[in-house]
PDB file of N, CA and C in Angstrom:
ATOM      1  N   PRO A   1       0.841  -1.205   0.000  1.00  0.00           N
ATOM      2  CA  PRO A   1       0.000   0.000   0.000  1.00  0.00           C
ATOM      3  C   PRO A   1       0.868   1.244   0.000  1.00  0.00           C
ATOM      4  N   ARG A   2       0.294   2.354  -0.386  1.00  0.00           N
ATOM      5  CA  ARG A   2       1.024   3.619  -0.359  1.00  0.00           C
ATOM      6  C   ARG A   2       1.087   4.105   1.083  1.00  0.00           C
ATOM      7  N   ILE A   3       2.300   4.272   1.590  1.00  0.00           N
ATOM      8  CA  ILE A   3       2.504   4.703   2.973  1.00  0.00           C
ATOM      9  C   ILE A   3       2.911   6.169   2.982  1.00  0.00           C
ATOM     10  N   ARG A   4       2.209   6.960   3.789  1.00  0.00           N
ATOM     11  CA  ARG A   4       2.521   8.388   3.911  1.00  0.00           C
ATOM     12  C   ARG A   4       3.717   8.585   4.828  1.00  0.00           C
ATOM     13  N   ARG A   5       4.427   9.674   4.641  1.00  0.00           N
ATOM     14  CA  ARG A   5       5.591   9.991   5.477  1.00  0.00           C
ATOM     15  C   ARG A   5       5.198  10.624   6.802  1.00  0.00           C
ATOM     16  N   ALA A   6       4.123  11.371   6.823  1.00  0.00           N
ATOM     17  CA  ALA A   6       3.710  12.057   8.057  1.00  0.00           C
ATOM     18  C   ALA A   6       3.233  11.036   9.084  1.00  0.00           C
ATOM     19  N   PRO A   7       3.757  11.110  10.309  1.00  0.00           N
ATOM     20  CA  PRO A   7       3.344  10.147  11.333  1.00  0.00           C
ATOM     21  C   PRO A   7       1.927  10.428  11.826  1.00  0.00           C
ATOM     22  N   ILE A   8       1.350   9.430  12.457  1.00  0.00           N
ATOM     23  CA  ILE A   8       0.039   9.573  13.069  1.00  0.00           C
ATOM     24  C   ILE A   8       0.261  10.124  14.474  1.00  0.00           C
ATOM     25  N   PRO A   9      -0.448  11.187  14.852  1.00  0.00           N
ATOM     26  CA  PRO A   9      -0.271  11.724  16.209  1.00  0.00           C
ATOM     27  C   PRO A   9      -0.592  10.652  17.257  1.00  0.00           C
ATOM     28  N   PRO A  10       0.207  10.553  18.310  1.00  0.00           N
ATOM     29  CA  PRO A  10      -0.003   9.501  19.311  1.00  0.00           C
ATOM     30  C   PRO A  10      -1.333   9.595  20.052  1.00  0.00           C
ATOM     31  N   ASP A  11      -1.962  10.784  20.072  1.00  0.00           N
ATOM     32  CA  ASP A  11      -3.235  10.937  20.770  1.00  0.00           C
ATOM     33  C   ASP A  11      -4.439  10.683  19.864  1.00  0.00           C
ATOM     34  N   SER A  12      -4.193  10.210  18.657  1.00  0.00           N
ATOM     35  CA  SER A  12      -5.292   9.964  17.725  1.00  0.00           C
ATOM     36  C   SER A  12      -6.161   8.810  18.186  1.00  0.00           C
ATOM     37  N   LEU A  13      -7.418   8.905  17.798  1.00  0.00           N
ATOM     38  CA  LEU A  13      -8.355   7.804  17.948  1.00  0.00           C
ATOM     39  C   LEU A  13      -8.510   7.186  16.574  1.00  0.00           C
ATOM     40  N   LEU A  14      -8.786   5.924  16.502  1.00  0.00           N
ATOM     41  CA  LEU A  14      -8.992   5.280  15.220  1.00  0.00           C
ATOM     42  C   LEU A  14     -10.422   4.817  15.107  1.00  0.00           C
ATOM     43  N   LEU A  15     -11.079   5.219  14.073  1.00  0.00           N
ATOM     44  CA  LEU A  15     -12.435   4.778  13.823  1.00  0.00           C
ATOM     45  C   LEU A  15     -12.348   3.625  12.842  1.00  0.00           C
ATOM     46  N   VAL A  16     -12.599   2.436  13.300  1.00  0.00           N
ATOM     47  CA  VAL A  16     -12.376   1.260  12.483  1.00  0.00           C
ATOM     48  C   VAL A  16     -13.584   0.972  11.610  1.00  0.00           C
ATOM     49  N   ARG A  17     -13.365   0.903  10.322  1.00  0.00           N
ATOM     50  CA  ARG A  17     -14.394   0.543   9.364  1.00  0.00           C
ATOM     51  C   ARG A  17     -14.514  -0.970   9.382  1.00  0.00           C
ATOM     52  N   GLY A  18     -15.672  -1.491   9.390  1.00  0.00           N
ATOM     53  CA  GLY A  18     -15.816  -2.931   9.331  1.00  0.00           C
ATOM     54  C   GLY A  18     -16.456  -3.529  10.559  1.00  0.00           C
ATOM     55  N   GLU A  19     -17.069  -2.733  11.386  1.00  0.00           N
ATOM     56  CA  GLU A  19     -17.810  -3.249  12.532  1.00  0.00           C
ATOM     57  C   GLU A  19     -19.196  -3.656  12.051  1.00  0.00           C
ATOM     58  N   THR A  20     -19.243  -4.803  11.423  1.00  0.00           N
ATOM     59  CA  THR A  20     -20.518  -5.299  10.906  1.00  0.00           C
ATOM     60  C   THR A  20     -21.229  -6.173  11.919  1.00  0.00           C
ATOM     61  N   GLY A  21     -20.545  -6.486  13.012  1.00  0.00           N
ATOM     62  CA  GLY A  21     -21.101  -7.393  14.001  1.00  0.00           C
ATOM     63  C   GLY A  21     -20.688  -8.828  13.755  1.00  0.00           C
ATOM     64  N   SER A  22     -19.958  -9.068  12.670  1.00  0.00           N
ATOM     65  CA  SER A  22     -19.518 -10.416  12.328  1.00  0.00           C
ATOM     66  C   SER A  22     -18.001 -10.467  12.264  1.00  0.00           C
ATOM     67  N   SER A  23     -17.398 -11.293  13.111  1.00  0.00           N
ATOM     68  CA  SER A  23     -15.948 -11.416  13.070  1.00  0.00           C
ATOM     69  C   SER A  23     -15.494 -12.073  11.778  1.00  0.00           C
ATOM     70  N   ALA A  24     -16.362 -12.895  11.154  1.00  0.00           N
ATOM     71  CA  ALA A  24     -16.006 -13.533   9.878  1.00  0.00           C
ATOM     72  C   ALA A  24     -15.832 -12.494   8.776  1.00  0.00           C
ATOM     73  N   VAL A  25     -16.670 -11.466   8.764  1.00  0.00           N
ATOM     74  CA  VAL A  25     -16.556 -10.401   7.762  1.00  0.00           C
ATOM     75  C   VAL A  25     -15.258  -9.628   7.976  1.00  0.00           C
ATOM     76  N   THR A  26     -14.944  -9.316   9.219  1.00  0.00           N
ATOM     77  CA  THR A  26     -13.706  -8.598   9.523  1.00  0.00           C
ATOM     78  C   THR A  26     -12.494  -9.431   9.134  1.00  0.00           C
ATOM     79  N   GLN A  27     -12.547 -10.715   9.402  1.00  0.00           N
ATOM     80  CA  GLN A  27     -11.448 -11.616   9.036  1.00  0.00           C
ATOM     81  C   GLN A  27     -11.259 -11.626   7.515  1.00  0.00           C
ATOM     82  N   ARG A  28     -12.354 -11.678   6.769  1.00  0.00           N
ATOM     83  CA  ARG A  28     -12.251 -11.667   5.294  1.00  0.00           C
ATOM     84  C   ARG A  28     -11.632 -10.369   4.801  1.00  0.00           C
ATOM     85  N   GLN A  29     -11.977  -9.252   5.423  1.00  0.00           N
ATOM     86  CA  GLN A  29     -11.389  -7.970   5.025  1.00  0.00           C
ATOM     87  C   GLN A  29      -9.880  -7.993   5.245  1.00  0.00           C
ATOM     88  N   ALA A  30      -9.448  -8.521   6.376  1.00  0.00           N
ATOM     89  CA  ALA A  30      -8.016  -8.584   6.685  1.00  0.00           C
ATOM     90  C   ALA A  30      -7.296  -9.515   5.715  1.00  0.00           C
ATOM     91  N   GLU A  31      -7.918 -10.647   5.394  1.00  0.00           N
ATOM     92  CA  GLU A  31      -7.314 -11.587   4.446  1.00  0.00           C
ATOM     93  C   GLU A  31      -7.246 -10.996   3.043  1.00  0.00           C
ATOM     94  N   ARG A  32      -8.264 -10.245   2.649  1.00  0.00           N
ATOM     95  CA  ARG A  32      -8.276  -9.591   1.341  1.00  0.00           C
ATOM     96  C   ARG A  32      -7.119  -8.600   1.231  1.00  0.00           C
ATOM     97  N   PHE A  33      -6.833  -7.883   2.316  1.00  0.00           N
ATOM     98  CA  PHE A  33      -5.705  -6.946   2.331  1.00  0.00           C
ATOM     99  C   PHE A  33      -4.399  -7.695   2.094  1.00  0.00           C
ATOM    100  N   LEU A  34      -4.193  -8.822   2.772  1.00  0.00           N
ATOM    101  CA  LEU A  34      -2.965  -9.610   2.602  1.00  0.00           C
ATOM    102  C   LEU A  34      -2.828 -10.120   1.172  1.00  0.00           C
ATOM    103  N   ARG A  35      -3.920 -10.563   0.581  1.00  0.00           N
ATOM    104  CA  ARG A  35      -3.875 -11.022  -0.824  1.00  0.00           C
ATOM    105  C   ARG A  35      -3.557  -9.873  -1.765  1.00  0.00           C
ATOM    106  N   ARG A  36      -4.074  -8.691  -1.472  1.00  0.00           N
ATOM    107  CA  ARG A  36      -3.850  -7.538  -2.344  1.00  0.00           C
ATOM    108  C   ARG A  36      -2.418  -7.021  -2.253  1.00  0.00           C
ATOM    109  N   TYR A  37      -1.809  -7.125  -1.074  1.00  0.00           N
ATOM    110  CA  TYR A  37      -0.447  -6.647  -0.852  1.00  0.00           C
ATOM    111  C   TYR A  37       0.410  -7.765  -0.256  1.00  0.00           C
ATOM    112  N   PRO A  38       0.627  -8.845  -0.992  1.00  0.00           N
ATOM    113  CA  PRO A  38       1.345 -10.002  -0.429  1.00  0.00           C
ATOM    114  C   PRO A  38       2.792  -9.685  -0.040  1.00  0.00           C
ATOM    115  N   GLY A  39       3.420  -8.755  -0.713  1.00  0.00           N
ATOM    116  CA  GLY A  39       4.800  -8.400  -0.395  1.00  0.00           C
ATOM    117  C   GLY A  39       4.955  -7.753   0.973  1.00  0.00           C
ATOM    118  N   TRP A  40       3.877  -7.208   1.498  1.00  0.00           N
ATOM    119  CA  TRP A  40       3.920  -6.567   2.803  1.00  0.00           C
ATOM    120  C   TRP A  40       3.897  -7.616   3.907  1.00  0.00           C
ATOM    121  N   GLY A  41       3.298  -8.765   3.629  1.00  0.00           N
ATOM    122  CA  GLY A  41       3.317  -9.889   4.555  1.00  0.00           C
ATOM    123  C   GLY A  41       2.517  -9.728   5.827  1.00  0.00           C
ATOM    124  N   ARG A  42       1.499  -8.887   5.820  1.00  0.00           N
ATOM    125  CA  ARG A  42       0.687  -8.664   7.015  1.00  0.00           C
ATOM    126  C   ARG A  42      -0.779  -8.572   6.641  1.00  0.00           C
ATOM    127  N   TYR A  43      -1.619  -8.890   7.592  1.00  0.00           N
ATOM    128  CA  TYR A  43      -3.043  -8.611   7.446  1.00  0.00           C
ATOM    129  C   TYR A  43      -3.246  -7.118   7.649  1.00  0.00           C
ATOM    130  N   GLY A  44      -4.363  -6.603   7.184  1.00  0.00           N
ATOM    131  CA  GLY A  44      -4.626  -5.188   7.390  1.00  0.00           C
ATOM    132  C   GLY A  44      -6.104  -4.880   7.416  1.00  0.00           C
ATOM    133  N   LEU A  45      -6.453  -3.905   8.229  1.00  0.00           N
ATOM    134  CA  LEU A  45      -7.817  -3.397   8.291  1.00  0.00           C
ATOM    135  C   LEU A  45      -7.792  -1.892   8.095  1.00  0.00           C
ATOM    136  N   SER A  46      -8.707  -1.400   7.297  1.00  0.00           N
ATOM    137  CA  SER A  46      -8.811   0.038   7.081  1.00  0.00           C
ATOM    138  C   SER A  46      -9.400   0.707   8.306  1.00  0.00           C
ATOM    139  N   ALA A  47      -8.893   1.892   8.588  1.00  0.00           N
ATOM    140  CA  ALA A  47      -9.395   2.706   9.681  1.00  0.00           C
ATOM    141  C   ALA A  47      -9.130   4.167   9.337  1.00  0.00           C
ATOM    142  N   PHE A  48      -9.664   5.039  10.130  1.00  0.00           N
ATOM    143  CA  PHE A  48      -9.444   6.466   9.937  1.00  0.00           C
ATOM    144  C   PHE A  48      -8.927   7.063  11.233  1.00  0.00           C
ATOM    145  N   SER A  49      -7.918   7.883  11.128  1.00  0.00           N
ATOM    146  CA  SER A  49      -7.353   8.577  12.278  1.00  0.00           C
ATOM    147  C   SER A  49      -8.194   9.823  12.547  1.00  0.00           C
ATOM    148  N   THR A  50      -8.578   9.991  13.789  1.00  0.00           N
ATOM    149  CA  THR A  50      -9.361  11.167  14.183  1.00  0.00           C
ATOM    150  C   THR A  50      -8.766  11.770  15.441  1.00  0.00           C
ATOM    151  N   ARG A  51      -9.132  13.011  15.710  1.00  0.00           N
ATOM    152  CA  ARG A  51      -8.628  13.685  16.904  1.00  0.00           C
ATOM    153  C   ARG A  51      -9.748  14.148  17.824  1.00  0.00           C
ATOM    154  N   GLY A  52     -10.966  13.782  17.534  1.00  0.00           N
ATOM    155  CA  GLY A  52     -12.033  14.213  18.430  1.00  0.00           C
ATOM    156  C   GLY A  52     -13.412  13.896  17.893  1.00  0.00           C
ATOM    157  N   GLU A  53     -14.390  14.252  18.706  1.00  0.00           N
ATOM    158  CA  GLU A  53     -15.785  13.936  18.396  1.00  0.00           C
ATOM    159  C   GLU A  53     -16.263  14.523  17.069  1.00  0.00           C
ATOM    160  N   ALA A  54     -15.852  15.750  16.761  1.00  0.00           N
ATOM    161  CA  ALA A  54     -16.312  16.383  15.516  1.00  0.00           C
ATOM    162  C   ALA A  54     -15.835  15.594  14.299  1.00  0.00           C
ATOM    163  N   GLU A  55     -14.578  15.147  14.298  1.00  0.00           N
ATOM    164  CA  GLU A  55     -14.068  14.356  13.174  1.00  0.00           C
ATOM    165  C   GLU A  55     -14.752  12.996  13.103  1.00  0.00           C
ATOM    166  N   ILE A  56     -15.031  12.412  14.257  1.00  0.00           N
ATOM    167  CA  ILE A  56     -15.741  11.132  14.271  1.00  0.00           C
ATOM    168  C   ILE A  56     -17.129  11.298  13.666  1.00  0.00           C
ATOM    169  N   ASP A  57     -17.821  12.358  14.050  1.00  0.00           N
ATOM    170  CA  ASP A  57     -19.154  12.619  13.496  1.00  0.00           C
ATOM    171  C   ASP A  57     -19.097  12.826  11.988  1.00  0.00           C
ATOM    172  N   ASP A  58     -18.097  13.582  11.510  1.00  0.00           N
ATOM    173  CA  ASP A  58     -17.964  13.824  10.072  1.00  0.00           C
ATOM    174  C   ASP A  58     -17.724  12.527   9.303  1.00  0.00           C
ATOM    175  N   LEU A  59     -16.800  11.693   9.801  1.00  0.00           N
ATOM    176  CA  LEU A  59     -16.522  10.415   9.134  1.00  0.00           C
ATOM    177  C   LEU A  59     -17.731   9.498   9.169  1.00  0.00           C
ATOM    178  N   SER A  60     -18.431   9.492  10.292  1.00  0.00           N
ATOM    179  CA  SER A  60     -19.607   8.635  10.431  1.00  0.00           C
ATOM    180  C   SER A  60     -20.686   9.017   9.426  1.00  0.00           C
ATOM    181  N   ALA A  61     -20.851  10.294   9.206  1.00  0.00           N
ATOM    182  CA  ALA A  61     -21.888  10.765   8.302  1.00  0.00           C
ATOM    183  C   ALA A  61     -21.497  10.634   6.837  1.00  0.00           C
ATOM    184  N   ALA A  62     -20.212  10.736   6.549  1.00  0.00           N
ATOM    185  CA  ALA A  62     -19.781  10.750   5.151  1.00  0.00           C
ATOM    186  C   ALA A  62     -19.294   9.389   4.666  1.00  0.00           C
ATOM    187  N   GLN A  63     -18.217   8.885   5.209  1.00  0.00           N
ATOM    188  CA  GLN A  63     -17.569   7.701   4.660  1.00  0.00           C
ATOM    189  C   GLN A  63     -17.979   6.393   5.312  1.00  0.00           C
ATOM    190  N   LEU A  64     -18.568   6.450   6.479  1.00  0.00           N
ATOM    191  CA  LEU A  64     -18.854   5.214   7.202  1.00  0.00           C
ATOM    192  C   LEU A  64     -20.339   5.002   7.485  1.00  0.00           C
ATOM    193  N   GLN A  65     -21.174   5.698   6.749  1.00  0.00           N
ATOM    194  CA  GLN A  65     -22.604   5.644   7.027  1.00  0.00           C
ATOM    195  C   GLN A  65     -23.241   4.287   6.750  1.00  0.00           C
ATOM    196  N   SER A  66     -22.613   3.448   5.951  1.00  0.00           N
ATOM    197  CA  SER A  66     -23.220   2.159   5.610  1.00  0.00           C
ATOM    198  C   SER A  66     -22.965   1.070   6.658  1.00  0.00           C
ATOM    199  N   PHE A  67     -22.170   1.352   7.678  1.00  0.00           N
ATOM    200  CA  PHE A  67     -21.870   0.345   8.692  1.00  0.00           C
ATOM    201  C   PHE A  67     -22.819   0.480   9.876  1.00  0.00           C
ATOM    202  N   PRO A  68     -23.351  -0.643  10.354  1.00  0.00           N
ATOM    203  CA  PRO A  68     -24.298  -0.576  11.473  1.00  0.00           C
ATOM    204  C   PRO A  68     -23.640  -0.186  12.795  1.00  0.00           C
ATOM    205  N   ARG A  69     -22.343  -0.506  12.936  1.00  0.00           N
ATOM    206  CA  ARG A  69     -21.618  -0.170  14.160  1.00  0.00           C
ATOM    207  C   ARG A  69     -20.225   0.321  13.798  1.00  0.00           C
ATOM    208  N   LEU A  70     -19.691   1.167  14.652  1.00  0.00           N
ATOM    209  CA  LEU A  70     -18.339   1.669  14.469  1.00  0.00           C
ATOM    210  C   LEU A  70     -17.545   1.387  15.734  1.00  0.00           C
ATOM    211  N   GLY A  71     -16.316   0.943  15.579  1.00  0.00           N
ATOM    212  CA  GLY A  71     -15.453   0.699  16.728  1.00  0.00           C
ATOM    213  C   GLY A  71     -14.424   1.803  16.849  1.00  0.00           C
ATOM    214  N   LEU A  72     -14.281   2.341  18.034  1.00  0.00           N
ATOM    215  CA  LEU A  72     -13.339   3.428  18.285  1.00  0.00           C
ATOM    216  C   LEU A  72     -12.205   2.902  19.154  1.00  0.00           C
ATOM    217  N   PHE A  73     -10.991   2.910  18.601  1.00  0.00           N
ATOM    218  CA  PHE A  73      -9.811   2.390  19.278  1.00  0.00           C
ATOM    219  C   PHE A  73      -8.770   3.486  19.424  1.00  0.00           C
ATOM    220  N   ARG A  74      -7.992   3.446  20.471  1.00  0.00           N
ATOM    221  CA  ARG A  74      -6.831   4.332  20.619  1.00  0.00           C
ATOM    222  C   ARG A  74      -5.637   3.645  19.961  1.00  0.00           C
ATOM    223  N   GLY A  75      -4.864   4.409  19.215  1.00  0.00           N
ATOM    224  CA  GLY A  75      -3.699   3.862  18.533  1.00  0.00           C
ATOM    225  C   GLY A  75      -2.728   3.193  19.481  1.00  0.00           C
ATOM    226  N   ALA A  76      -2.505   3.801  20.635  1.00  0.00           N
ATOM    227  CA  ALA A  76      -1.569   3.232  21.608  1.00  0.00           C
ATOM    228  C   ALA A  76      -2.044   1.873  22.107  1.00  0.00           C
ATOM    229  N   ASP A  77      -3.367   1.700  22.269  1.00  0.00           N
ATOM    230  CA  ASP A  77      -3.902   0.409  22.710  1.00  0.00           C
ATOM    231  C   ASP A  77      -3.693  -0.667  21.654  1.00  0.00           C
ATOM    232  N   LEU A  78      -3.887  -0.303  20.390  1.00  0.00           N
ATOM    233  CA  LEU A  78      -3.667  -1.269  19.310  1.00  0.00           C
ATOM    234  C   LEU A  78      -2.203  -1.676  19.240  1.00  0.00           C
ATOM    235  N   GLU A  79      -1.323  -0.695  19.354  1.00  0.00           N
ATOM    236  CA  GLU A  79       0.107  -0.995  19.278  1.00  0.00           C
ATOM    237  C   GLU A  79       0.573  -1.835  20.467  1.00  0.00           C
ATOM    238  N   SER A  80       0.034  -1.588  21.653  1.00  0.00           N
ATOM    239  CA  SER A  80       0.428  -2.395  22.809  1.00  0.00           C
ATOM    240  C   SER A  80      -0.095  -3.824  22.686  1.00  0.00           C
ATOM    241  N   ALA A  81      -1.126  -4.041  21.868  1.00  0.00           N
ATOM    242  CA  ALA A  81      -1.647  -5.394  21.629  1.00  0.00           C
ATOM    243  C   ALA A  81      -0.910  -6.088  20.485  1.00  0.00           C
ATOM    244  N   GLY A  82       0.093  -5.418  19.897  1.00  0.00           N
ATOM    245  CA  GLY A  82       0.908  -6.048  18.866  1.00  0.00           C
ATOM    246  C   GLY A  82       0.566  -5.674  17.440  1.00  0.00           C
ATOM    247  N   SER A  83      -0.355  -4.745  17.251  1.00  0.00           N
ATOM    248  CA  SER A  83      -0.686  -4.279  15.901  1.00  0.00           C
ATOM    249  C   SER A  83       0.127  -3.029  15.590  1.00  0.00           C
ATOM    250  N   GLU A  84       0.334  -2.782  14.321  1.00  0.00           N
ATOM    251  CA  GLU A  84       1.021  -1.566  13.887  1.00  0.00           C
ATOM    252  C   GLU A  84       0.000  -0.682  13.192  1.00  0.00           C
ATOM    253  N   VAL A  85      -0.019   0.593  13.533  1.00  0.00           N
ATOM    254  CA  VAL A  85      -0.924   1.538  12.884  1.00  0.00           C
ATOM    255  C   VAL A  85      -0.089   2.328  11.890  1.00  0.00           C
ATOM    256  N   VAL A  86      -0.406   2.163  10.594  1.00  0.00           N
ATOM    257  CA  VAL A  86       0.413   2.717   9.520  1.00  0.00           C
ATOM    258  C   VAL A  86      -0.389   3.768   8.747  1.00  0.00           C
ATOM    259  N   PRO A  87       0.165   4.967   8.556  1.00  0.00           N
ATOM    260  CA  PRO A  87      -0.530   5.969   7.749  1.00  0.00           C
ATOM    261  C   PRO A  87      -0.483   5.576   6.273  1.00  0.00           C
ATOM    262  N   THR A  88      -1.618   5.223   5.720  1.00  0.00           N
ATOM    263  CA  THR A  88      -1.671   4.748   4.340  1.00  0.00           C
ATOM    264  C   THR A  88      -2.650   5.575   3.510  1.00  0.00           C
ATOM    265  N   PHE A  89      -2.397   5.549   2.204  1.00  0.00           N
ATOM    266  CA  PHE A  89      -3.259   6.197   1.224  1.00  0.00           C
ATOM    267  C   PHE A  89      -3.446   7.669   1.585  1.00  0.00           C
ATOM    268  N   ARG A  90      -4.653   8.200   1.503  1.00  0.00           N
ATOM    269  CA  ARG A  90      -4.873   9.626   1.762  1.00  0.00           C
ATOM    270  C   ARG A  90      -5.285   9.873   3.211  1.00  0.00           C
ATOM    271  N   THR A  91      -4.832  10.991   3.754  1.00  0.00           N
ATOM    272  CA  THR A  91      -5.218  11.402   5.102  1.00  0.00           C
ATOM    273  C   THR A  91      -6.738  11.526   5.158  1.00  0.00           C
ATOM    274  N   PRO A  92      -7.388  10.993   6.126  1.00  0.00           N
ATOM    275  CA  PRO A  92      -6.952  10.449   7.407  1.00  0.00           C
ATOM    276  C   PRO A  92      -6.911   8.909   7.449  1.00  0.00           C
ATOM    277  N   HIS A  93      -6.809   8.250   6.292  1.00  0.00           N
ATOM    278  CA  HIS A  93      -6.821   6.782   6.268  1.00  0.00           C
ATOM    279  C   HIS A  93      -5.568   6.212   6.917  1.00  0.00           C
ATOM    280  N   VAL A  94      -5.756   5.126   7.661  1.00  0.00           N
ATOM    281  CA  VAL A  94      -4.663   4.365   8.239  1.00  0.00           C
ATOM    282  C   VAL A  94      -4.979   2.884   8.049  1.00  0.00           C
ATOM    283  N   THR A  95      -3.959   2.053   8.173  1.00  0.00           N
ATOM    284  CA  THR A  95      -4.139   0.614   8.140  1.00  0.00           C
ATOM    285  C   THR A  95      -3.664   0.043   9.459  1.00  0.00           C
ATOM    286  N   ILE A  96      -4.512  -0.787  10.057  1.00  0.00           N
ATOM    287  CA  ILE A  96      -4.117  -1.535  11.245  1.00  0.00           C
ATOM    288  C   ILE A  96      -3.511  -2.822  10.719  1.00  0.00           C
ATOM    289  N   ALA A  97      -2.193  -2.956  10.827  1.00  0.00           N
ATOM    290  CA  ALA A  97      -1.454  -4.079  10.251  1.00  0.00           C
ATOM    291  C   ALA A  97      -1.030  -5.034  11.365  1.00  0.00           C
ATOM    292  N   PHE A  98      -1.104  -6.340  11.075  1.00  0.00           N
ATOM    293  CA  PHE A  98      -0.762  -7.317  12.099  1.00  0.00           C
ATOM    294  C   PHE A  98      -0.512  -8.673  11.468  1.00  0.00           C
ATOM    295  N   THR A  99       0.108  -9.534  12.238  1.00  0.00           N
ATOM    296  CA  THR A  99       0.247 -10.939  11.897  1.00  0.00           C
ATOM    297  C   THR A  99      -0.465 -11.716  12.995  1.00  0.00           C
ATOM    298  N   GLY A 100      -0.844 -12.936  12.719  1.00  0.00           N
ATOM    299  CA  GLY A 100      -1.500 -13.755  13.741  1.00  0.00           C
ATOM    300  C   GLY A 100      -3.005 -13.656  13.688  1.00  0.00           C
ATOM    301  N   ASP A 101      -3.637 -13.828  14.830  1.00  0.00           N
ATOM    302  CA  ASP A 101      -5.088 -13.933  14.941  1.00  0.00           C
ATOM    303  C   ASP A 101      -5.753 -12.566  15.067  1.00  0.00           C
ATOM    304  N   LEU A 102      -6.653 -12.262  14.152  1.00  0.00           N
ATOM    305  CA  LEU A 102      -7.352 -10.982  14.139  1.00  0.00           C
ATOM    306  C   LEU A 102      -8.175 -10.777  15.398  1.00  0.00           C
ATOM    307  N   ASP A 103      -8.969 -11.761  15.793  1.00  0.00           N
ATOM    308  CA  ASP A 103      -9.830 -11.589  16.957  1.00  0.00           C
ATOM    309  C   ASP A 103      -9.018 -11.268  18.194  1.00  0.00           C
ATOM    310  N   ALA A 104      -7.895 -11.927  18.367  1.00  0.00           N
ATOM    311  CA  ALA A 104      -7.058 -11.649  19.533  1.00  0.00           C
ATOM    312  C   ALA A 104      -6.533 -10.232  19.496  1.00  0.00           C
ATOM    313  N   ARG A 105      -6.192  -9.730  18.326  1.00  0.00           N
ATOM    314  CA  ARG A 105      -5.648  -8.367  18.218  1.00  0.00           C
ATOM    315  C   ARG A 105      -6.690  -7.317  18.607  1.00  0.00           C
ATOM    316  N   LEU A 106      -7.903  -7.439  18.092  1.00  0.00           N
ATOM    317  CA  LEU A 106      -8.907  -6.404  18.333  1.00  0.00           C
ATOM    318  C   LEU A 106      -9.654  -6.597  19.633  1.00  0.00           C
ATOM    319  N   LEU A 107      -9.953  -7.818  20.003  1.00  0.00           N
ATOM    320  CA  LEU A 107     -10.730  -8.037  21.210  1.00  0.00           C
ATOM    321  C   LEU A 107      -9.923  -7.781  22.470  1.00  0.00           C
ATOM    322  N   ASP A 108      -8.594  -7.878  22.384  1.00  0.00           N
ATOM    323  CA  ASP A 108      -7.754  -7.601  23.549  1.00  0.00           C
ATOM    324  C   ASP A 108      -7.565  -6.098  23.785  1.00  0.00           C
ATOM    325  N   CYS A 109      -8.018  -5.283  22.863  1.00  0.00           N
ATOM    326  CA  CYS A 109      -7.870  -3.839  22.991  1.00  0.00           C
ATOM    327  C   CYS A 109      -9.147  -3.241  23.567  1.00  0.00           C
ATOM    328  N   SER A 110      -8.984  -2.265  24.465  1.00  0.00           N
ATOM    329  CA  SER A 110     -10.177  -1.575  24.931  1.00  0.00           C
ATOM    330  C   SER A 110     -10.686  -0.687  23.799  1.00  0.00           C
ATOM    331  N   HIS A 111     -11.996  -0.639  23.653  1.00  0.00           N
ATOM    332  CA  HIS A 111     -12.597   0.174  22.590  1.00  0.00           C
ATOM    333  C   HIS A 111     -14.047   0.456  22.922  1.00  0.00           C
ATOM    334  N   ASP A 112     -14.588   1.441  22.231  1.00  0.00           N
ATOM    335  CA  ASP A 112     -16.007   1.803  22.346  1.00  0.00           C
ATOM    336  C   ASP A 112     -16.704   1.456  21.055  1.00  0.00           C
TER     337      ASP A 112
END
């Protein structure tokens, strides 16, 4: 994937796209990312970096309106659980990159 040079602020919140209520759907999204970028060697989930409620509301209304639920994670919590948060594609998009079991990565993190 295209990786941006600008780092993600450590106080960012991540609004994870793909909270459909089904872990199987989330797993398929992560596997699709690995197939699309096999040279990277990691699973990935799309997310958006935000800095507050107003940005979350904007993303929810514009880009994430088709999802029944949204998961809000802190970047530091994801990284402490062994995932890497990578600034990819256009701002504010990020990829939650990881190896191993998806459910363990996300369920072990505190989130709303």
